[in-house]
């Protein structure tokens, strides 16, 4: 629910930080297809806001993966696609 900044999986709310919500929204907008790390950086942070966005992005992806897994198990995943970025995979979507 982009307008209310709420996310739910299987009717269970997912408690996300602002950055995690922006990350989830960007991934959902390209579900089942990779989205480049550069595009994610631009969606998450203003230019010059963070100097080490690479490790920050990895940390937020890791936190989001953990939160998604706590509700969906292995059904919904975020994977790193070499040279392409990250991909949110939702079966039958």
PDB file of N, CA and C in Angstrom:
ATOM      1  N   UNK A   1       0.835  -1.171   0.000  1.00  0.00           N
ATOM      2  CA  UNK A   1       0.000   0.000   0.000  1.00  0.00           C
ATOM      3  C   UNK A   1       0.889   1.247   0.000  1.00  0.00           C
ATOM      4  N   UNK A   2       1.297   1.700  -1.192  1.00  0.00           N
ATOM      5  CA  UNK A   2       2.273   2.797  -1.294  1.00  0.00           C
ATOM      6  C   UNK A   2       1.851   4.092  -0.605  1.00  0.00           C
ATOM      7  N   UNK A   3       0.588   4.438  -0.686  1.00  0.00           N
ATOM      8  CA  UNK A   3       0.159   5.715  -0.100  1.00  0.00           C
ATOM      9  C   UNK A   3       0.251   5.728   1.422  1.00  0.00           C
ATOM     10  N   UNK A   4      -0.022   4.604   2.047  1.00  0.00           N
ATOM     11  CA  UNK A   4       0.028   4.543   3.508  1.00  0.00           C
ATOM     12  C   UNK A   4       1.358   3.990   4.031  1.00  0.00           C
ATOM     13  N   UNK A   5       2.261   3.657   3.107  1.00  0.00           N
ATOM     14  CA  UNK A   5       3.579   3.102   3.456  1.00  0.00           C
ATOM     15  C   UNK A   5       3.452   1.826   4.286  1.00  0.00           C
ATOM     16  N   UNK A   6       2.513   0.976   3.905  1.00  0.00           N
ATOM     17  CA  UNK A   6       2.316  -0.291   4.595  1.00  0.00           C
ATOM     18  C   UNK A   6       2.517  -1.446   3.625  1.00  0.00           C
ATOM     19  N   UNK A   7       3.079  -2.517   4.147  1.00  0.00           N
ATOM     20  CA  UNK A   7       3.314  -3.721   3.357  1.00  0.00           C
ATOM     21  C   UNK A   7       2.777  -4.899   4.154  1.00  0.00           C
ATOM     22  N   UNK A   8       2.111  -5.805   3.462  1.00  0.00           N
ATOM     23  CA  UNK A   8       1.681  -7.029   4.126  1.00  0.00           C
ATOM     24  C   UNK A   8       1.947  -8.212   3.209  1.00  0.00           C
ATOM     25  N   UNK A   9       2.226  -9.331   3.831  1.00  0.00           N
ATOM     26  CA  UNK A   9       2.424 -10.597   3.123  1.00  0.00           C
ATOM     27  C   UNK A   9       1.508 -11.606   3.785  1.00  0.00           C
ATOM     28  N   UNK A  10       0.700 -12.256   2.977  1.00  0.00           N
ATOM     29  CA  UNK A  10      -0.267 -13.230   3.501  1.00  0.00           C
ATOM     30  C   UNK A  10      -1.123 -12.601   4.602  1.00  0.00           C
ATOM     31  N   UNK A  11      -1.535 -11.365   4.378  1.00  0.00           N
ATOM     32  CA  UNK A  11      -2.372 -10.605   5.310  1.00  0.00           C
ATOM     33  C   UNK A  11      -1.700 -10.319   6.650  1.00  0.00           C
ATOM     34  N   UNK A  12      -0.379 -10.477   6.705  1.00  0.00           N
ATOM     35  CA  UNK A  12       0.361 -10.148   7.924  1.00  0.00           C
ATOM     36  C   UNK A  12       1.207  -8.908   7.636  1.00  0.00           C
ATOM     37  N   UNK A  13       1.119  -7.894   8.504  1.00  0.00           N
ATOM     38  CA  UNK A  13       1.880  -6.663   8.262  1.00  0.00           C
ATOM     39  C   UNK A  13       3.380  -6.889   8.403  1.00  0.00           C
ATOM     40  N   UNK A  14       4.120  -6.204   7.576  1.00  0.00           N
ATOM     41  CA  UNK A  14       5.579  -6.248   7.596  1.00  0.00           C
ATOM     42  C   UNK A  14       6.053  -4.906   8.138  1.00  0.00           C
ATOM     43  N   UNK A  15       6.731  -4.918   9.259  1.00  0.00           N
ATOM     44  CA  UNK A  15       7.194  -3.690   9.896  1.00  0.00           C
ATOM     45  C   UNK A  15       8.516  -3.274   9.247  1.00  0.00           C
ATOM     46  N   UNK A  16       8.466  -2.223   8.409  1.00  0.00           N
ATOM     47  CA  UNK A  16       9.640  -1.791   7.654  1.00  0.00           C
ATOM     48  C   UNK A  16      10.059  -0.374   8.022  1.00  0.00           C
ATOM     49  N   UNK A  17      11.366  -0.124   7.946  1.00  0.00           N
ATOM     50  CA  UNK A  17      11.871   1.236   8.082  1.00  0.00           C
ATOM     51  C   UNK A  17      11.537   1.990   6.795  1.00  0.00           C
ATOM     52  N   UNK A  18      11.754   3.287   6.783  1.00  0.00           N
ATOM     53  CA  UNK A  18      11.489   4.088   5.587  1.00  0.00           C
ATOM     54  C   UNK A  18      12.319   3.606   4.405  1.00  0.00           C
ATOM     55  N   UNK A  19      13.601   3.346   4.629  1.00  0.00           N
ATOM     56  CA  UNK A  19      14.476   2.872   3.548  1.00  0.00           C
ATOM     57  C   UNK A  19      14.031   1.496   3.074  1.00  0.00           C
ATOM     58  N   UNK A  20      13.699   0.598   3.996  1.00  0.00           N
ATOM     59  CA  UNK A  20      13.230  -0.736   3.606  1.00  0.00           C
ATOM     60  C   UNK A  20      11.942  -0.649   2.803  1.00  0.00           C
ATOM     61  N   UNK A  21      11.057   0.262   3.173  1.00  0.00           N
ATOM     62  CA  UNK A  21       9.813   0.431   2.417  1.00  0.00           C
ATOM     63  C   UNK A  21      10.116   0.895   0.996  1.00  0.00           C
ATOM     64  N   UNK A  22      11.008   1.884   0.845  1.00  0.00           N
ATOM     65  CA  UNK A  22      11.376   2.367  -0.489  1.00  0.00           C
ATOM     66  C   UNK A  22      12.016   1.250  -1.311  1.00  0.00           C
ATOM     67  N   UNK A  23      12.854   0.449  -0.669  1.00  0.00           N
ATOM     68  CA  UNK A  23      13.497  -0.677  -1.342  1.00  0.00           C
ATOM     69  C   UNK A  23      12.452  -1.691  -1.798  1.00  0.00           C
ATOM     70  N   UNK A  24      11.538  -2.036  -0.915  1.00  0.00           N
ATOM     71  CA  UNK A  24      10.473  -2.992  -1.250  1.00  0.00           C
ATOM     72  C   UNK A  24       9.624  -2.480  -2.402  1.00  0.00           C
ATOM     73  N   UNK A  25       9.270  -1.208  -2.364  1.00  0.00           N
ATOM     74  CA  UNK A  25       8.459  -0.616  -3.423  1.00  0.00           C
ATOM     75  C   UNK A  25       9.177  -0.694  -4.765  1.00  0.00           C
ATOM     76  N   UNK A  26      10.462  -0.364  -4.782  1.00  0.00           N
ATOM     77  CA  UNK A  26      11.233  -0.432  -6.029  1.00  0.00           C
ATOM     78  C   UNK A  26      11.306  -1.866  -6.547  1.00  0.00           C
ATOM     79  N   UNK A  27      11.508  -2.815  -5.648  1.00  0.00           N
ATOM     80  CA  UNK A  27      11.583  -4.220  -6.058  1.00  0.00           C
ATOM     81  C   UNK A  27      10.234  -4.731  -6.562  1.00  0.00           C
ATOM     82  N   UNK A  28       9.161  -4.337  -5.900  1.00  0.00           N
ATOM     83  CA  UNK A  28       7.823  -4.763  -6.323  1.00  0.00           C
ATOM     84  C   UNK A  28       7.482  -4.208  -7.702  1.00  0.00           C
ATOM     85  N   UNK A  29       7.930  -3.000  -7.974  1.00  0.00           N
ATOM     86  CA  UNK A  29       7.644  -2.380  -9.278  1.00  0.00           C
ATOM     87  C   UNK A  29       8.316  -3.117 -10.428  1.00  0.00           C
ATOM     88  N   UNK A  30       9.344  -3.914 -10.139  1.00  0.00           N
ATOM     89  CA  UNK A  30       9.964  -4.726 -11.193  1.00  0.00           C
ATOM     90  C   UNK A  30       9.993  -6.194 -10.776  1.00  0.00           C
ATOM     91  N   UNK A  31       8.926  -6.645 -10.115  1.00  0.00           N
ATOM     92  CA  UNK A  31       8.858  -8.004  -9.592  1.00  0.00           C
ATOM     93  C   UNK A  31       9.220  -9.039 -10.656  1.00  0.00           C
ATOM     94  N   UNK A  32       9.980 -10.048 -10.231  1.00  0.00           N
ATOM     95  CA  UNK A  32      10.436 -11.153 -11.069  1.00  0.00           C
ATOM     96  C   UNK A  32      11.387 -10.720 -12.181  1.00  0.00           C
ATOM     97  N   UNK A  33      11.940  -9.527 -12.071  1.00  0.00           N
ATOM     98  CA  UNK A  33      12.951  -9.041 -13.027  1.00  0.00           C
ATOM     99  C   UNK A  33      13.999  -8.270 -12.228  1.00  0.00           C
ATOM    100  N   UNK A  34      15.260  -8.402 -12.609  1.00  0.00           N
ATOM    101  CA  UNK A  34      16.299  -7.693 -11.860  1.00  0.00           C
ATOM    102  C   UNK A  34      16.191  -6.181 -12.015  1.00  0.00           C
ATOM    103  N   UNK A  35      16.558  -5.477 -10.947  1.00  0.00           N
ATOM    104  CA  UNK A  35      16.631  -4.025 -10.957  1.00  0.00           C
ATOM    105  C   UNK A  35      18.060  -3.667 -10.534  1.00  0.00           C
ATOM    106  N   UNK A  36      18.683  -2.779 -11.254  1.00  0.00           N
ATOM    107  CA  UNK A  36      20.089  -2.488 -11.018  1.00  0.00           C
ATOM    108  C   UNK A  36      20.312  -1.839  -9.657  1.00  0.00           C
ATOM    109  N   UNK A  37      21.489  -2.086  -9.120  1.00  0.00           N
ATOM    110  CA  UNK A  37      21.867  -1.451  -7.854  1.00  0.00           C
ATOM    111  C   UNK A  37      21.851   0.063  -7.990  1.00  0.00           C
ATOM    112  N   UNK A  38      22.275   0.572  -9.129  1.00  0.00           N
ATOM    113  CA  UNK A  38      22.293   2.017  -9.365  1.00  0.00           C
ATOM    114  C   UNK A  38      20.884   2.605  -9.280  1.00  0.00           C
ATOM    115  N   UNK A  39      19.927   1.916  -9.863  1.00  0.00           N
ATOM    116  CA  UNK A  39      18.534   2.373  -9.799  1.00  0.00           C
ATOM    117  C   UNK A  39      18.042   2.354  -8.358  1.00  0.00           C
ATOM    118  N   UNK A  40      18.393   1.314  -7.625  1.00  0.00           N
ATOM    119  CA  UNK A  40      17.994   1.236  -6.221  1.00  0.00           C
ATOM    120  C   UNK A  40      18.615   2.366  -5.415  1.00  0.00           C
ATOM    121  N   UNK A  41      19.909   2.656  -5.657  1.00  0.00           N
ATOM    122  CA  UNK A  41      20.569   3.772  -4.959  1.00  0.00           C
ATOM    123  C   UNK A  41      19.786   5.058  -5.173  1.00  0.00           C
ATOM    124  N   UNK A  42      19.413   5.311  -6.424  1.00  0.00           N
ATOM    125  CA  UNK A  42      18.698   6.553  -6.753  1.00  0.00           C
ATOM    126  C   UNK A  42      17.330   6.605  -6.086  1.00  0.00           C
ATOM    127  N   UNK A  43      16.675   5.450  -5.944  1.00  0.00           N
ATOM    128  CA  UNK A  43      15.363   5.403  -5.293  1.00  0.00           C
ATOM    129  C   UNK A  43      15.446   5.568  -3.777  1.00  0.00           C
ATOM    130  N   UNK A  44      16.580   5.168  -3.196  1.00  0.00           N
ATOM    131  CA  UNK A  44      16.693   5.137  -1.747  1.00  0.00           C
ATOM    132  C   UNK A  44      17.353   6.369  -1.135  1.00  0.00           C
ATOM    133  N   UNK A  45      18.325   6.933  -1.837  1.00  0.00           N
ATOM    134  CA  UNK A  45      19.092   8.028  -1.250  1.00  0.00           C
ATOM    135  C   UNK A  45      19.253   9.170  -2.239  1.00  0.00           C
ATOM    136  N   UNK A  46      19.320  10.372  -1.690  1.00  0.00           N
ATOM    137  CA  UNK A  46      19.614  11.544  -2.507  1.00  0.00           C
ATOM    138  C   UNK A  46      21.100  11.509  -2.858  1.00  0.00           C
ATOM    139  N   UNK A  47      21.453  12.056  -3.993  1.00  0.00           N
ATOM    140  CA  UNK A  47      22.854  12.077  -4.414  1.00  0.00           C
ATOM    141  C   UNK A  47      23.706  12.751  -3.342  1.00  0.00           C
ATOM    142  N   UNK A  48      24.791  12.108  -2.980  1.00  0.00           N
ATOM    143  CA  UNK A  48      25.704  12.654  -1.987  1.00  0.00           C
ATOM    144  C   UNK A  48      25.288  12.410  -0.552  1.00  0.00           C
ATOM    145  N   UNK A  49      24.131  11.795  -0.340  1.00  0.00           N
ATOM    146  CA  UNK A  49      23.632  11.574   1.021  1.00  0.00           C
ATOM    147  C   UNK A  49      24.479  10.543   1.765  1.00  0.00           C
ATOM    148  N   UNK A  50      24.879   9.495   1.076  1.00  0.00           N
ATOM    149  CA  UNK A  50      25.717   8.457   1.670  1.00  0.00           C
ATOM    150  C   UNK A  50      26.944   8.239   0.805  1.00  0.00           C
ATOM    151  N   UNK A  51      28.076   8.063   1.440  1.00  0.00           N
ATOM    152  CA  UNK A  51      29.298   7.823   0.682  1.00  0.00           C
ATOM    153  C   UNK A  51      29.465   6.348   0.359  1.00  0.00           C
ATOM    154  N   UNK A  52      29.043   5.475   1.261  1.00  0.00           N
ATOM    155  CA  UNK A  52      29.200   4.039   1.045  1.00  0.00           C
ATOM    156  C   UNK A  52      27.839   3.389   0.856  1.00  0.00           C
ATOM    157  N   UNK A  53      27.204   3.697  -0.266  1.00  0.00           N
ATOM    158  CA  UNK A  53      25.868   3.162  -0.508  1.00  0.00           C
ATOM    159  C   UNK A  53      25.887   1.662  -0.770  1.00  0.00           C
ATOM    160  N   UNK A  54      27.015   1.126  -1.241  1.00  0.00           N
ATOM    161  CA  UNK A  54      27.094  -0.298  -1.545  1.00  0.00           C
ATOM    162  C   UNK A  54      26.853  -1.147  -0.294  1.00  0.00           C
ATOM    163  N   UNK A  55      27.579  -0.878   0.767  1.00  0.00           N
ATOM    164  CA  UNK A  55      27.381  -1.679   1.982  1.00  0.00           C
ATOM    165  C   UNK A  55      26.042  -1.340   2.646  1.00  0.00           C
ATOM    166  N   UNK A  56      25.599  -0.103   2.528  1.00  0.00           N
ATOM    167  CA  UNK A  56      24.292   0.270   3.085  1.00  0.00           C
ATOM    168  C   UNK A  56      23.175  -0.464   2.360  1.00  0.00           C
ATOM    169  N   UNK A  57      23.269  -0.534   1.036  1.00  0.00           N
ATOM    170  CA  UNK A  57      22.256  -1.252   0.261  1.00  0.00           C
ATOM    171  C   UNK A  57      22.234  -2.721   0.656  1.00  0.00           C
ATOM    172  N   UNK A  58      23.401  -3.331   0.752  1.00  0.00           N
ATOM    173  CA  UNK A  58      23.476  -4.749   1.141  1.00  0.00           C
ATOM    174  C   UNK A  58      22.849  -4.982   2.511  1.00  0.00           C
ATOM    175  N   UNK A  59      23.108  -4.076   3.444  1.00  0.00           N
ATOM    176  CA  UNK A  59      22.554  -4.203   4.791  1.00  0.00           C
ATOM    177  C   UNK A  59      21.026  -4.134   4.758  1.00  0.00           C
ATOM    178  N   UNK A  60      20.477  -3.163   4.001  1.00  0.00           N
ATOM    179  CA  UNK A  60      19.020  -3.019   3.930  1.00  0.00           C
ATOM    180  C   UNK A  60      18.379  -4.198   3.203  1.00  0.00           C
ATOM    181  N   UNK A  61      19.026  -4.703   2.165  1.00  0.00           N
ATOM    182  CA  UNK A  61      18.516  -5.886   1.464  1.00  0.00           C
ATOM    183  C   UNK A  61      18.500  -7.076   2.421  1.00  0.00           C
ATOM    184  N   UNK A  62      19.574  -7.237   3.177  1.00  0.00           N
ATOM    185  CA  UNK A  62      19.658  -8.339   4.136  1.00  0.00           C
ATOM    186  C   UNK A  62      18.549  -8.246   5.184  1.00  0.00           C
ATOM    187  N   UNK A  63      18.323  -7.051   5.726  1.00  0.00           N
ATOM    188  CA  UNK A  63      17.255  -6.863   6.712  1.00  0.00           C
ATOM    189  C   UNK A  63      15.885  -7.150   6.105  1.00  0.00           C
ATOM    190  N   UNK A  64      15.673  -6.674   4.873  1.00  0.00           N
ATOM    191  CA  UNK A  64      14.391  -6.904   4.202  1.00  0.00           C
ATOM    192  C   UNK A  64      14.189  -8.390   3.922  1.00  0.00           C
ATOM    193  N   UNK A  65      15.240  -9.081   3.481  1.00  0.00           N
ATOM    194  CA  UNK A  65      15.144 -10.529   3.252  1.00  0.00           C
ATOM    195  C   UNK A  65      14.699 -11.247   4.522  1.00  0.00           C
ATOM    196  N   UNK A  66      15.332 -10.899   5.632  1.00  0.00           N
ATOM    197  CA  UNK A  66      15.022 -11.543   6.918  1.00  0.00           C
ATOM    198  C   UNK A  66      13.561 -11.324   7.296  1.00  0.00           C
ATOM    199  N   UNK A  67      13.083 -10.105   7.123  1.00  0.00           N
ATOM    200  CA  UNK A  67      11.691  -9.787   7.487  1.00  0.00           C
ATOM    201  C   UNK A  67      10.707 -10.508   6.575  1.00  0.00           C
ATOM    202  N   UNK A  68      11.003 -10.562   5.279  1.00  0.00           N
ATOM    203  CA  UNK A  68      10.126 -11.268   4.337  1.00  0.00           C
ATOM    204  C   UNK A  68      10.096 -12.755   4.661  1.00  0.00           C
ATOM    205  N   UNK A  69      11.285 -13.327   4.919  1.00  0.00           N
ATOM    206  CA  UNK A  69      11.373 -14.760   5.210  1.00  0.00           C
ATOM    207  C   UNK A  69      10.600 -15.126   6.467  1.00  0.00           C
ATOM    208  N   UNK A  70      10.546 -14.227   7.448  1.00  0.00           N
ATOM    209  CA  UNK A  70       9.840 -14.520   8.696  1.00  0.00           C
ATOM    210  C   UNK A  70       8.348 -14.753   8.465  1.00  0.00           C
ATOM    211  N   UNK A  71       7.826 -14.205   7.370  1.00  0.00           N
ATOM    212  CA  UNK A  71       6.397 -14.379   7.070  1.00  0.00           C
ATOM    213  C   UNK A  71       6.173 -15.378   5.939  1.00  0.00           C
ATOM    214  N   UNK A  72       6.986 -15.276   4.875  1.00  0.00           N
ATOM    215  CA  UNK A  72       6.712 -16.094   3.691  1.00  0.00           C
ATOM    216  C   UNK A  72       7.541 -17.371   3.605  1.00  0.00           C
ATOM    217  N   UNK A  73       8.470 -17.559   4.529  1.00  0.00           N
ATOM    218  CA  UNK A  73       9.380 -18.697   4.400  1.00  0.00           C
ATOM    219  C   UNK A  73      10.259 -18.469   3.186  1.00  0.00           C
ATOM    220  N   UNK A  74      10.389 -19.479   2.347  1.00  0.00           N
ATOM    221  CA  UNK A  74      11.209 -19.350   1.135  1.00  0.00           C
ATOM    222  C   UNK A  74      10.365 -19.053  -0.098  1.00  0.00           C
ATOM    223  N   UNK A  75       9.103 -18.722   0.089  1.00  0.00           N
ATOM    224  CA  UNK A  75       8.199 -18.489  -1.035  1.00  0.00           C
ATOM    225  C   UNK A  75       8.536 -17.200  -1.786  1.00  0.00           C
ATOM    226  N   UNK A  76       8.801 -16.120  -1.061  1.00  0.00           N
ATOM    227  CA  UNK A  76       9.149 -14.837  -1.663  1.00  0.00           C
ATOM    228  C   UNK A  76      10.606 -14.564  -1.330  1.00  0.00           C
ATOM    229  N   UNK A  77      11.412 -14.280  -2.355  1.00  0.00           N
ATOM    230  CA  UNK A  77      12.847 -14.104  -2.130  1.00  0.00           C
ATOM    231  C   UNK A  77      13.378 -12.859  -2.830  1.00  0.00           C
ATOM    232  N   UNK A  78      14.493 -12.374  -2.311  1.00  0.00           N
ATOM    233  CA  UNK A  78      15.262 -11.323  -2.968  1.00  0.00           C
ATOM    234  C   UNK A  78      16.621 -11.928  -3.255  1.00  0.00           C
ATOM    235  N   UNK A  79      16.980 -11.978  -4.515  1.00  0.00           N
ATOM    236  CA  UNK A  79      18.266 -12.552  -4.882  1.00  0.00           C
ATOM    237  C   UNK A  79      19.136 -11.511  -5.575  1.00  0.00           C
ATOM    238  N   UNK A  80      20.442 -11.716  -5.472  1.00  0.00           N
ATOM    239  CA  UNK A  80      21.383 -10.865  -6.181  1.00  0.00           C
ATOM    240  C   UNK A  80      21.667 -11.533  -7.520  1.00  0.00           C
ATOM    241  N   UNK A  81      21.515 -10.798  -8.598  1.00  0.00           N
ATOM    242  CA  UNK A  81      21.774 -11.307  -9.945  1.00  0.00           C
ATOM    243  C   UNK A  81      23.053 -10.635 -10.425  1.00  0.00           C
ATOM    244  N   UNK A  82      24.091 -11.419 -10.607  1.00  0.00           N
ATOM    245  CA  UNK A  82      25.406 -10.882 -10.962  1.00  0.00           C
ATOM    246  C   UNK A  82      25.328  -9.962 -12.180  1.00  0.00           C
ATOM    247  N   UNK A  83      25.919  -8.790 -12.023  1.00  0.00           N
ATOM    248  CA  UNK A  83      25.980  -7.752 -13.065  1.00  0.00           C
ATOM    249  C   UNK A  83      24.623  -7.176 -13.452  1.00  0.00           C
ATOM    250  N   UNK A  84      23.576  -7.519 -12.707  1.00  0.00           N
ATOM    251  CA  UNK A  84      22.241  -6.999 -13.033  1.00  0.00           C
ATOM    252  C   UNK A  84      21.581  -6.289 -11.859  1.00  0.00           C
ATOM    253  N   UNK A  85      21.898  -6.681 -10.626  1.00  0.00           N
ATOM    254  CA  UNK A  85      21.300  -6.050  -9.465  1.00  0.00           C
ATOM    255  C   UNK A  85      20.566  -7.038  -8.583  1.00  0.00           C
ATOM    256  N   UNK A  86      19.392  -6.647  -8.122  1.00  0.00           N
ATOM    257  CA  UNK A  86      18.591  -7.472  -7.216  1.00  0.00           C
ATOM    258  C   UNK A  86      17.231  -7.784  -7.851  1.00  0.00           C
ATOM    259  N   UNK A  87      16.702  -8.949  -7.477  1.00  0.00           N
ATOM    260  CA  UNK A  87      15.424  -9.382  -8.043  1.00  0.00           C
ATOM    261  C   UNK A  87      14.512  -9.910  -6.933  1.00  0.00           C
ATOM    262  N   UNK A  88      13.328  -9.359  -6.845  1.00  0.00           N
ATOM    263  CA  UNK A  88      12.293  -9.856  -5.948  1.00  0.00           C
ATOM    264  C   UNK A  88      11.511 -10.901  -6.726  1.00  0.00           C
ATOM    265  N   UNK A  89      11.501 -12.123  -6.216  1.00  0.00           N
ATOM    266  CA  UNK A  89      10.795 -13.210  -6.896  1.00  0.00           C
ATOM    267  C   UNK A  89       9.566 -13.604  -6.093  1.00  0.00           C
ATOM    268  N   UNK A  90       8.426 -13.472  -6.765  1.00  0.00           N
ATOM    269  CA  UNK A  90       7.153 -13.896  -6.187  1.00  0.00           C
ATOM    270  C   UNK A  90       6.549 -14.898  -7.164  1.00  0.00           C
ATOM    271  N   UNK A  91       6.489 -16.178  -6.779  1.00  0.00           N
ATOM    272  CA  UNK A  91       5.930 -17.187  -7.685  1.00  0.00           C
ATOM    273  C   UNK A  91       4.491 -16.853  -8.084  1.00  0.00           C
ATOM    274  N   UNK A  92       4.132 -17.219  -9.282  1.00  0.00           N
ATOM    275  CA  UNK A  92       2.780 -17.042  -9.818  1.00  0.00           C
ATOM    276  C   UNK A  92       2.333 -15.582  -9.810  1.00  0.00           C
ATOM    277  N   UNK A  93       3.263 -14.658  -9.977  1.00  0.00           N
ATOM    278  CA  UNK A  93       2.896 -13.248 -10.028  1.00  0.00           C
ATOM    279  C   UNK A  93       2.932 -12.779 -11.451  1.00  0.00           C
TER     280      UNK A  93
END
